[in-house]
Amino acid sequence: MLPDFKINRRIPEARQVDFISSPDWPKVQELYQEYEPWKQALTNGEILAHTAIEYSIILFSHGFQARGEGNYGIAAMTIWRPGVRVDADGKITLRPADEKLRLPEIAVFKPELANKFVEMMVIGHNSLFRQKKSNGHAERQSAEKTANIWLHIPDENVDSYMAELETKDELTFREAPDITPGVGLVTTLEPCPGCSEMIITAGYDWVLSLNEDKSHGALHPDRIGGLGSGWLELAEKSGINILFSQEDDTANQMTYLPKNLATLVARLFFETRTELDTKIGEGGVFKQIPGVKQKP
């Protein structure tokens, strides 16, 4: 169970009127009804933590929010495990001081995690249309927020930035399953070529795709070669462990995902994209900006 994540997500009020008129709205309602038993199982503590099943339930709720905001229904989660024990006061050091780079230490205090190994979870969801960002893919959003915490946000603003993410349920800390350090990414759908290249260069130790995307995905062994020999070589040199969910080996909880749940997560993208694909065809993200002329 992951009580720190609020999974009772709803369509933001500002978007409800517009979205209810969308041709995809009935399908989204249908999918959410199918999702509710899974959500209830997580809420009741019936789902094991650190499993593909848990990740799927959490990320579906964020994909649902993404679609409700007028974006594609995809979400991703960066999981950072430093492999060190939190100190007795609950202090978690996210970035040690580095005098050469003039970087002071950044830390947070979580007393409930004192003397435990910890993981930080950072969630991003597709934001193409709401933020008018052509690179607003879920994987990039998650990676960007993580990098902001570690490095990019001015030091005096880091605390407020993390507090904002926690308020929006996009950042949480909890006890890690083991002491093995590393940074991983879980995404509801196999990443596209652009996001796959980002994942390879970002330094992730592992990536878990909950579903294949045979048309647009680029990380599966059958498709990664399409990125070009240079990218394939970089992926091999980096040692990144590329994982996909599977339905046969129930003992492998990291990747085991019942077919009906995997399919439900995939359908949130594949069956609710009609309106958004039309917008892309009409000129893409930039042409959705007020005042920009549409295609004739």
Protein backbone atom coordinates (compact mmCIF):
# COMPACT_ATOMS: atom_id res chain seq x y z
CA MET A 1 0.00 0.00 0.00
CA LEU A 2 1.19 3.51 -0.76
CA PRO A 3 -0.88 5.85 1.42
CA ASP A 4 1.15 8.95 0.49
CA PHE A 5 -0.12 8.79 -3.08
CA LYS A 6 -3.62 10.18 -3.51
CA ILE A 7 -5.19 8.01 -6.18
CA ASN A 8 -8.69 9.48 -6.01
CA ARG A 9 -7.88 11.74 -8.94
CA ARG A 10 -10.62 13.58 -10.79
CA ILE A 11 -10.90 15.69 -13.91
CA PRO A 12 -9.90 19.25 -12.92
CA GLU A 13 -12.97 21.48 -12.71
CA ALA A 14 -11.50 23.92 -15.21
CA ARG A 15 -11.43 21.15 -17.81
CA GLN A 16 -14.65 19.29 -17.06
CA VAL A 17 -17.00 21.22 -19.33
CA ASP A 18 -14.65 21.02 -22.31
CA PHE A 19 -13.76 17.38 -21.79
CA ILE A 20 -17.29 16.10 -21.26
CA SER A 21 -18.04 17.30 -24.80
CA SER A 22 -15.07 15.31 -26.14
CA PRO A 23 -15.85 12.26 -28.28
CA ASP A 24 -13.45 10.33 -26.05
CA TRP A 25 -15.28 11.12 -22.80
CA PRO A 26 -17.57 8.04 -22.72
CA LYS A 27 -14.60 5.73 -23.20
CA VAL A 28 -12.63 7.44 -20.42
CA GLN A 29 -15.60 7.00 -18.06
CA GLU A 30 -15.80 3.32 -18.97
CA LEU A 31 -12.09 2.78 -18.34
CA TYR A 32 -12.21 4.54 -14.99
CA GLN A 33 -15.05 2.29 -13.85
CA GLU A 34 -12.91 -0.74 -14.72
CA TYR A 35 -10.02 0.82 -12.80
CA GLU A 36 -11.93 1.46 -9.56
CA PRO A 37 -11.63 -2.13 -8.16
CA TRP A 38 -7.86 -1.93 -8.59
CA LYS A 39 -7.79 1.46 -6.91
CA GLN A 40 -9.83 0.08 -4.02
CA ALA A 41 -7.49 -2.88 -3.65
CA LEU A 42 -4.50 -0.53 -3.34
CA THR A 43 -6.37 1.68 -0.88
CA ASN A 44 -7.22 -1.39 1.24
CA GLY A 45 -3.59 -2.48 1.40
CA GLU A 46 -4.15 -5.58 -0.73
CA ILE A 47 -1.42 -4.76 -3.26
CA LEU A 48 2.27 -5.42 -2.63
CA ALA A 49 4.54 -2.38 -2.81
CA HIS A 50 7.38 -2.09 -5.32
CA THR A 51 5.59 -4.25 -7.88
CA ALA A 52 4.45 -3.74 -11.45
CA ILE A 53 0.87 -4.07 -10.24
CA GLU A 54 1.27 -1.24 -7.75
CA TYR A 55 3.06 0.97 -10.28
CA SER A 56 0.27 0.37 -12.80
CA ILE A 57 -2.47 1.39 -10.38
CA ILE A 58 -0.63 4.55 -9.35
CA LEU A 59 0.27 5.57 -12.89
CA PHE A 60 -3.21 4.90 -14.27
CA SER A 61 -4.55 7.62 -11.98
CA HIS A 62 -1.99 10.09 -13.31
CA GLY A 63 -2.66 9.04 -16.89
CA PHE A 64 -6.33 9.62 -16.18
CA GLN A 65 -5.51 13.10 -14.94
CA ALA A 66 -3.41 13.75 -18.04
CA ARG A 67 -6.30 12.78 -20.32
CA GLY A 68 -8.68 14.88 -18.26
CA GLU A 69 -6.44 17.89 -18.80
CA GLY A 70 -6.64 17.37 -22.56
CA ASN A 71 -3.42 15.40 -23.06
CA TYR A 72 -2.62 11.83 -23.99
CA GLY A 73 -3.30 9.35 -21.17
CA ILE A 74 0.29 8.39 -20.38
CA ALA A 75 2.25 8.66 -17.12
CA ALA A 76 5.75 7.79 -15.91
CA MET A 77 7.58 7.55 -12.59
CA THR A 78 11.26 8.02 -11.74
CA ILE A 79 12.33 5.94 -8.73
CA TRP A 80 15.58 7.01 -7.04
CA ARG A 81 17.15 4.77 -4.41
CA PRO A 82 20.39 6.22 -2.98
CA GLY A 83 21.32 3.02 -1.16
CA VAL A 84 22.05 4.81 2.10
CA ARG A 85 20.27 4.78 5.41
CA VAL A 86 18.38 7.91 6.48
CA ASP A 87 19.97 9.41 9.58
CA ALA A 88 18.46 9.24 13.06
CA ASP A 89 16.76 12.61 12.64
CA GLY A 90 15.10 11.59 9.39
CA LYS A 91 17.40 13.68 7.21
CA ILE A 92 17.60 12.54 3.58
CA THR A 93 20.50 14.03 1.63
CA LEU A 94 19.41 14.46 -1.99
CA ARG A 95 22.57 16.23 -3.09
CA PRO A 96 25.86 16.36 -1.17
CA ALA A 97 27.68 19.68 -1.17
CA ASP A 98 30.17 20.14 -4.03
CA GLU A 99 32.52 23.07 -3.60
CA LYS A 100 33.95 22.71 -7.11
CA LEU A 101 30.52 23.22 -8.62
CA ARG A 102 29.48 25.66 -5.89
CA LEU A 103 26.55 23.44 -5.02
CA PRO A 104 25.37 23.40 -1.40
CA GLU A 105 23.80 20.33 0.14
CA ILE A 106 20.11 19.78 -0.48
CA ALA A 107 18.23 17.64 2.03
CA VAL A 108 14.71 16.98 3.28
CA PHE A 109 13.52 15.75 6.64
CA LYS A 110 11.14 12.80 6.89
CA PRO A 111 11.15 11.70 10.56
CA GLU A 112 8.99 8.68 9.78
CA LEU A 113 11.84 7.30 7.64
CA ALA A 114 14.59 7.68 10.25
CA ASN A 115 17.11 4.81 10.16
CA LYS A 116 15.51 3.31 7.05
CA PHE A 117 16.65 2.97 3.46
CA VAL A 118 14.65 5.33 1.30
CA GLU A 119 13.40 5.86 -2.22
CA MET A 120 12.15 9.03 -3.87
CA MET A 121 9.37 8.72 -6.46
CA VAL A 122 8.76 11.49 -8.99
CA ILE A 123 5.77 11.29 -11.34
CA GLY A 124 5.19 13.03 -14.64
CA HIS A 125 2.31 12.77 -17.05
CA ASN A 126 1.79 13.80 -20.65
CA SER A 127 1.30 17.56 -20.94
CA LEU A 128 1.52 18.19 -24.66
CA PHE A 129 -1.59 20.28 -25.06
CA ARG A 130 -2.18 21.75 -21.62
CA GLN A 131 1.31 23.21 -21.41
CA LYS A 132 1.67 23.65 -25.19
CA LYS A 133 4.96 21.73 -25.04
CA SER A 134 5.87 19.53 -27.99
CA ASN A 135 8.30 17.69 -25.69
CA GLY A 136 5.73 17.29 -22.92
CA HIS A 137 5.92 13.50 -22.86
CA ALA A 138 5.42 11.72 -19.54
CA GLU A 139 8.93 10.28 -19.37
CA ARG A 140 10.51 13.67 -20.02
CA GLN A 141 8.30 15.33 -17.43
CA SER A 142 9.35 12.84 -14.77
CA ALA A 143 13.04 13.09 -15.65
CA GLU A 144 12.90 16.88 -15.77
CA LYS A 145 11.32 17.17 -12.32
CA THR A 146 13.93 14.81 -10.90
CA ALA A 147 16.78 16.80 -12.45
CA ASN A 148 15.24 20.02 -11.15
CA ILE A 149 15.37 18.69 -7.60
CA TRP A 150 18.94 17.45 -7.91
CA LEU A 151 20.47 20.31 -9.84
CA HIS A 152 18.53 22.92 -11.77
CA ILE A 153 16.19 24.71 -9.38
CA PRO A 154 17.97 27.57 -7.53
CA ASP A 155 18.93 26.41 -4.06
CA GLU A 156 16.68 28.88 -2.29
CA ASN A 157 13.67 27.55 -4.22
CA VAL A 158 14.20 23.80 -3.92
CA ASP A 159 12.13 23.39 -0.74
CA SER A 160 9.12 25.19 -2.20
CA TYR A 161 9.48 23.31 -5.50
CA MET A 162 9.41 19.93 -3.75
CA ALA A 163 6.54 21.03 -1.54
CA GLU A 164 4.57 21.96 -4.66
CA LEU A 165 5.25 18.56 -6.22
CA GLU A 166 4.18 16.80 -3.02
CA THR A 167 0.98 18.86 -2.91
CA LYS A 168 0.21 17.80 -6.49
CA ASP A 169 0.98 14.19 -5.56
CA GLU A 170 3.91 14.06 -7.96
CA LEU A 171 6.63 13.46 -5.35
CA THR A 172 6.82 11.16 -2.36
CA PHE A 173 9.41 9.44 -0.19
CA ARG A 174 9.02 5.98 1.29
CA GLU A 175 11.05 3.04 2.55
CA ALA A 176 13.01 1.32 -0.20
CA PRO A 177 12.65 -2.45 -0.75
CA ASP A 178 16.41 -3.05 -0.39
CA ILE A 179 19.74 -1.26 -0.09
CA THR A 180 20.66 -1.51 -3.77
CA PRO A 181 21.26 2.01 -5.13
CA GLY A 182 20.01 3.11 -8.52
CA VAL A 183 17.63 5.21 -10.57
CA GLY A 184 14.80 3.60 -12.51
CA LEU A 185 11.87 4.64 -14.66
CA VAL A 186 8.43 3.05 -14.93
CA THR A 187 6.22 4.15 -17.82
CA THR A 188 2.74 3.09 -18.83
CA LEU A 189 3.73 2.73 -22.47
CA GLU A 190 6.95 1.84 -24.29
CA PRO A 191 8.78 5.14 -24.89
CA CYS A 192 8.88 6.78 -28.30
CA PRO A 193 12.25 7.28 -30.10
CA GLY A 194 12.83 10.73 -28.59
CA CYS A 195 12.10 9.61 -25.03
CA SER A 196 14.13 6.43 -25.53
CA GLU A 197 17.17 8.51 -26.45
CA MET A 198 16.58 10.70 -23.39
CA ILE A 199 16.39 7.63 -21.14
CA ILE A 200 19.64 6.22 -22.52
CA THR A 201 21.55 9.48 -22.04
CA ALA A 202 19.97 10.41 -18.69
CA GLY A 203 21.73 7.60 -16.85
CA TYR A 204 18.81 5.43 -15.75
CA ASP A 205 19.89 2.04 -14.42
CA TRP A 206 16.67 0.37 -15.49
CA VAL A 207 13.42 1.14 -17.25
CA LEU A 208 10.17 -0.82 -17.03
CA SER A 209 7.55 -0.39 -19.76
CA LEU A 210 4.17 -1.64 -18.61
CA ASN A 211 3.03 -2.07 -22.22
CA GLU A 212 4.62 -2.42 -25.63
CA ASP A 213 3.89 0.12 -28.35
CA LYS A 214 4.60 -1.73 -31.58
CA SER A 215 3.73 1.29 -33.74
CA HIS A 216 5.60 4.09 -31.96
CA GLY A 217 7.81 2.46 -29.29
CA ALA A 218 11.59 2.24 -29.58
CA LEU A 219 12.99 0.35 -26.56
CA HIS A 220 11.85 -3.20 -27.21
CA PRO A 221 14.64 -5.51 -28.49
CA ASP A 222 12.73 -5.78 -31.78
CA ARG A 223 12.72 -1.99 -32.21
CA ILE A 224 15.67 -0.41 -30.39
CA GLY A 225 17.87 -0.95 -33.44
CA GLY A 226 15.66 1.53 -35.26
CA LEU A 227 17.19 4.32 -33.19
CA GLY A 228 20.44 3.79 -35.10
CA SER A 229 23.59 1.85 -34.35
CA GLY A 230 25.02 4.71 -32.29
CA TRP A 231 22.11 4.69 -29.85
CA LEU A 232 22.15 0.91 -29.57
CA GLU A 233 25.86 1.06 -28.75
CA LEU A 234 25.28 3.75 -26.11
CA ALA A 235 22.51 1.68 -24.52
CA GLU A 236 24.82 -1.33 -24.34
CA LYS A 237 27.67 0.73 -22.88
CA SER A 238 25.40 2.31 -20.28
CA GLY A 239 24.33 -1.10 -19.02
CA ILE A 240 20.71 0.01 -18.72
CA ASN A 241 18.38 -2.88 -17.92
CA ILE A 242 15.39 -2.65 -20.27
CA LEU A 243 12.35 -4.45 -18.86
CA PHE A 244 8.80 -5.09 -20.01
CA SER A 245 5.89 -6.37 -17.98
CA GLN A 246 4.97 -10.03 -18.39
CA GLU A 247 2.04 -12.21 -17.35
CA ASP A 248 3.62 -15.65 -16.91
CA ASP A 249 6.13 -15.53 -14.04
CA THR A 250 4.10 -14.54 -10.99
CA ALA A 251 7.17 -14.83 -8.76
CA ASN A 252 8.85 -11.93 -10.54
CA GLN A 253 6.78 -9.20 -8.92
CA MET A 254 8.89 -6.44 -10.46
CA THR A 255 7.57 -7.27 -13.93
CA TYR A 256 4.54 -9.51 -13.36
CA LEU A 257 1.36 -7.78 -14.48
CA PRO A 258 -2.01 -9.48 -15.04
CA LYS A 259 -3.06 -9.09 -18.64
CA ASN A 260 -6.33 -7.35 -17.79
CA LEU A 261 -4.54 -4.63 -15.80
CA ALA A 262 -1.83 -4.14 -18.43
CA THR A 263 -4.49 -3.88 -21.11
CA LEU A 264 -6.50 -1.38 -19.05
CA VAL A 265 -3.46 0.88 -18.69
CA ALA A 266 -2.74 0.65 -22.43
CA ARG A 267 -6.34 1.38 -23.40
CA LEU A 268 -6.21 4.69 -21.54
CA PHE A 269 -3.93 5.84 -24.35
CA PHE A 270 -4.99 3.83 -27.37
CA GLU A 271 -8.76 4.19 -26.97
CA THR A 272 -8.95 7.87 -25.97
CA ARG A 273 -6.63 9.49 -28.49
CA THR A 274 -9.09 10.33 -31.30
CA GLU A 275 -9.56 13.99 -30.40
CA LEU A 276 -5.85 14.56 -29.78
CA ASP A 277 -4.68 12.88 -32.97
CA THR A 278 -7.08 15.19 -34.80
CA LYS A 279 -5.43 18.21 -33.17
CA ILE A 280 -2.01 16.98 -34.25
CA GLY A 281 -3.33 16.58 -37.77
CA GLU A 282 -4.69 20.11 -37.71
CA GLY A 283 -1.30 21.61 -37.04
CA GLY A 284 0.08 20.22 -33.81
CA VAL A 285 0.75 21.79 -30.45
CA PHE A 286 1.85 25.22 -31.66
CA LYS A 287 -1.31 25.71 -33.70
CA GLN A 288 -3.39 25.28 -30.54
CA ILE A 289 -1.97 28.54 -29.17
CA PRO A 290 -4.56 31.35 -29.39
CA GLY A 291 -3.83 33.70 -32.26
CA VAL A 292 -1.79 31.21 -34.28
CA LYS A 293 -3.36 30.48 -37.65
CA GLN A 294 -4.60 26.97 -38.35
CA LYS A 295 -4.03 24.99 -41.50
CA PRO A 296 -6.37 26.08 -44.30
